[in-house]
Amino acid sequence: MIGEAIEGFWIAPEVGLYYASAGSASAVGYSAGGLLGYTFVWGHFVLSLGAGARYIDITAGSGGSTVSASGVAPALRLSIGAAF
């Protein structure tokens, strides 16, 4: 909260865990990936843009049967804020 906002290129690793439940159905999963981007600073206005990829693996089940999905998906970032 103090100091100056940092402008420039950045690299960010990413790890995610997922759980969802609705009635008797539930899903669990994970993802791992990375992004690369740039943060712009104009006075007190900050804009951060990034793109990358992540591997996702999700398994859903209901009533004794399960379905799985996995693969590589795009990862995008858009962040707008204020620096003060």
C-alpha atoms as a PDB file:
ATOM      1  CA  MET A   1       0.000   0.000   0.000  1.00  0.00           C
ATOM      2  CA  ILE A   2       3.018   2.291   0.156  1.00  0.00           C
ATOM      3  CA  GLY A   3       5.654   3.084  -2.439  1.00  0.00           C
ATOM      4  CA  GLU A   4       5.271   3.219  -6.203  1.00  0.00           C
ATOM      5  CA  ALA A   5       3.336   0.836  -8.448  1.00  0.00           C
ATOM      6  CA  ILE A   6       5.672  -1.359 -10.478  1.00  0.00           C
ATOM      7  CA  GLU A   7       5.429  -1.116 -14.270  1.00  0.00           C
ATOM      8  CA  GLY A   8       6.860  -3.722 -16.607  1.00  0.00           C
ATOM      9  CA  PHE A   9       6.954  -7.369 -17.615  1.00  0.00           C
ATOM     10  CA  TRP A  10       6.022 -10.141 -15.184  1.00  0.00           C
ATOM     11  CA  ILE A  11       5.912 -13.959 -15.066  1.00  0.00           C
ATOM     12  CA  ALA A  12       3.462 -15.768 -12.763  1.00  0.00           C
ATOM     13  CA  PRO A  13       3.137 -19.470 -11.945  1.00  0.00           C
ATOM     14  CA  GLU A  14      -0.391 -20.657 -11.162  1.00  0.00           C
ATOM     15  CA  VAL A  15      -1.846 -23.605  -9.226  1.00  0.00           C
ATOM     16  CA  GLY A  16      -5.542 -24.196  -8.577  1.00  0.00           C
ATOM     17  CA  LEU A  17      -7.719 -26.681  -6.682  1.00  0.00           C
ATOM     18  CA  TYR A  18     -11.440 -27.022  -7.413  1.00  0.00           C
ATOM     19  CA  TYR A  19     -14.439 -28.506  -5.653  1.00  0.00           C
ATOM     20  CA  ALA A  20     -18.116 -28.073  -6.555  1.00  0.00           C
ATOM     21  CA  SER A  21     -21.230 -29.771  -5.230  1.00  0.00           C
ATOM     22  CA  ALA A  22     -24.883 -29.609  -6.280  1.00  0.00           C
ATOM     23  CA  GLY A  23     -27.346 -32.078  -4.795  1.00  0.00           C
ATOM     24  CA  SER A  24     -25.907 -35.582  -5.188  1.00  0.00           C
ATOM     25  CA  ALA A  25     -23.365 -34.482  -7.842  1.00  0.00           C
ATOM     26  CA  SER A  26     -19.858 -33.273  -7.038  1.00  0.00           C
ATOM     27  CA  ALA A  27     -16.673 -32.424  -8.920  1.00  0.00           C
ATOM     28  CA  VAL A  28     -13.008 -32.136  -7.916  1.00  0.00           C
ATOM     29  CA  GLY A  29     -10.054 -31.000  -9.955  1.00  0.00           C
ATOM     30  CA  TYR A  30      -6.753 -29.205 -10.169  1.00  0.00           C
ATOM     31  CA  SER A  31      -4.845 -26.998 -12.589  1.00  0.00           C
ATOM     32  CA  ALA A  32      -1.251 -25.842 -13.025  1.00  0.00           C
ATOM     33  CA  GLY A  33       0.211 -23.380 -15.477  1.00  0.00           C
ATOM     34  CA  GLY A  34       1.770 -20.010 -15.979  1.00  0.00           C
ATOM     35  CA  LEU A  35       1.188 -16.551 -17.363  1.00  0.00           C
ATOM     36  CA  LEU A  36       3.391 -13.842 -18.796  1.00  0.00           C
ATOM     37  CA  GLY A  37       2.328 -10.242 -19.189  1.00  0.00           C
ATOM     38  CA  TYR A  38       2.913  -6.543 -18.774  1.00  0.00           C
ATOM     39  CA  THR A  39       1.662  -3.942 -16.290  1.00  0.00           C
ATOM     40  CA  PHE A  40       1.118  -0.349 -17.462  1.00  0.00           C
ATOM     41  CA  VAL A  41       0.959   2.580 -15.024  1.00  0.00           C
ATOM     42  CA  TRP A  42      -0.422   6.024 -15.996  1.00  0.00           C
ATOM     43  CA  GLY A  43      -0.454   8.281 -12.952  1.00  0.00           C
ATOM     44  CA  HIS A  44      -2.876   6.543 -10.573  1.00  0.00           C
ATOM     45  CA  PHE A  45      -4.337   4.217 -13.238  1.00  0.00           C
ATOM     46  CA  VAL A  46      -2.970   0.654 -13.557  1.00  0.00           C
ATOM     47  CA  LEU A  47      -3.684  -1.851 -16.345  1.00  0.00           C
ATOM     48  CA  SER A  48      -2.236  -5.370 -16.292  1.00  0.00           C
ATOM     49  CA  LEU A  49      -2.564  -7.782 -19.235  1.00  0.00           C
ATOM     50  CA  GLY A  50      -1.313 -11.350 -19.444  1.00  0.00           C
ATOM     51  CA  ALA A  51      -1.671 -14.635 -21.311  1.00  0.00           C
ATOM     52  CA  GLY A  52      -0.469 -18.173 -20.833  1.00  0.00           C
ATOM     53  CA  ALA A  53      -1.634 -21.750 -20.557  1.00  0.00           C
ATOM     54  CA  ARG A  54      -2.730 -24.178 -17.871  1.00  0.00           C
ATOM     55  CA  TYR A  55      -3.272 -27.932 -17.632  1.00  0.00           C
ATOM     56  CA  ILE A  56      -6.669 -28.790 -16.106  1.00  0.00           C
ATOM     57  CA  ASP A  57      -7.908 -32.147 -14.766  1.00  0.00           C
ATOM     58  CA  ILE A  58     -11.503 -32.389 -13.427  1.00  0.00           C
ATOM     59  CA  THR A  59     -13.541 -35.415 -12.350  1.00  0.00           C
ATOM     60  CA  ALA A  60     -17.297 -35.182 -11.699  1.00  0.00           C
ATOM     61  CA  GLY A  61     -19.497 -37.858 -10.195  1.00  0.00           C
ATOM     62  CA  SER A  62     -23.159 -38.488  -9.502  1.00  0.00           C
ATOM     63  CA  GLY A  63     -25.069 -41.626  -8.543  1.00  0.00           C
ATOM     64  CA  GLY A  64     -22.049 -43.915  -8.775  1.00  0.00           C
ATOM     65  CA  SER A  65     -20.900 -42.835 -12.252  1.00  0.00           C
ATOM     66  CA  THR A  66     -18.009 -40.474 -12.987  1.00  0.00           C
ATOM     67  CA  VAL A  67     -16.884 -38.340 -15.889  1.00  0.00           C
ATOM     68  CA  SER A  68     -13.372 -36.903 -16.323  1.00  0.00           C
ATOM     69  CA  ALA A  69     -11.988 -34.136 -18.474  1.00  0.00           C
ATOM     70  CA  SER A  70      -8.392 -32.987 -18.823  1.00  0.00           C
ATOM     71  CA  GLY A  71      -6.240 -30.986 -21.178  1.00  0.00           C
ATOM     72  CA  VAL A  72      -4.485 -27.709 -21.847  1.00  0.00           C
ATOM     73  CA  ALA A  73      -6.520 -24.493 -21.817  1.00  0.00           C
ATOM     74  CA  PRO A  74      -5.676 -20.813 -22.312  1.00  0.00           C
ATOM     75  CA  ALA A  75      -5.148 -18.597 -19.270  1.00  0.00           C
ATOM     76  CA  LEU A  76      -5.877 -14.868 -19.649  1.00  0.00           C
ATOM     77  CA  ARG A  77      -5.540 -11.934 -17.259  1.00  0.00           C
ATOM     78  CA  LEU A  78      -7.033  -8.444 -17.350  1.00  0.00           C
ATOM     79  CA  SER A  79      -6.689  -6.302 -14.257  1.00  0.00           C
ATOM     80  CA  ILE A  80      -7.617  -2.636 -13.902  1.00  0.00           C
ATOM     81  CA  GLY A  81      -6.906  -0.698 -10.729  1.00  0.00           C
ATOM     82  CA  ALA A  82      -5.690   2.408  -8.997  1.00  0.00           C
ATOM     83  CA  ALA A  83      -2.293   3.053  -7.453  1.00  0.00           C
ATOM     84  CA  PHE A  84      -1.881   5.599  -4.697  1.00  0.00           C
END
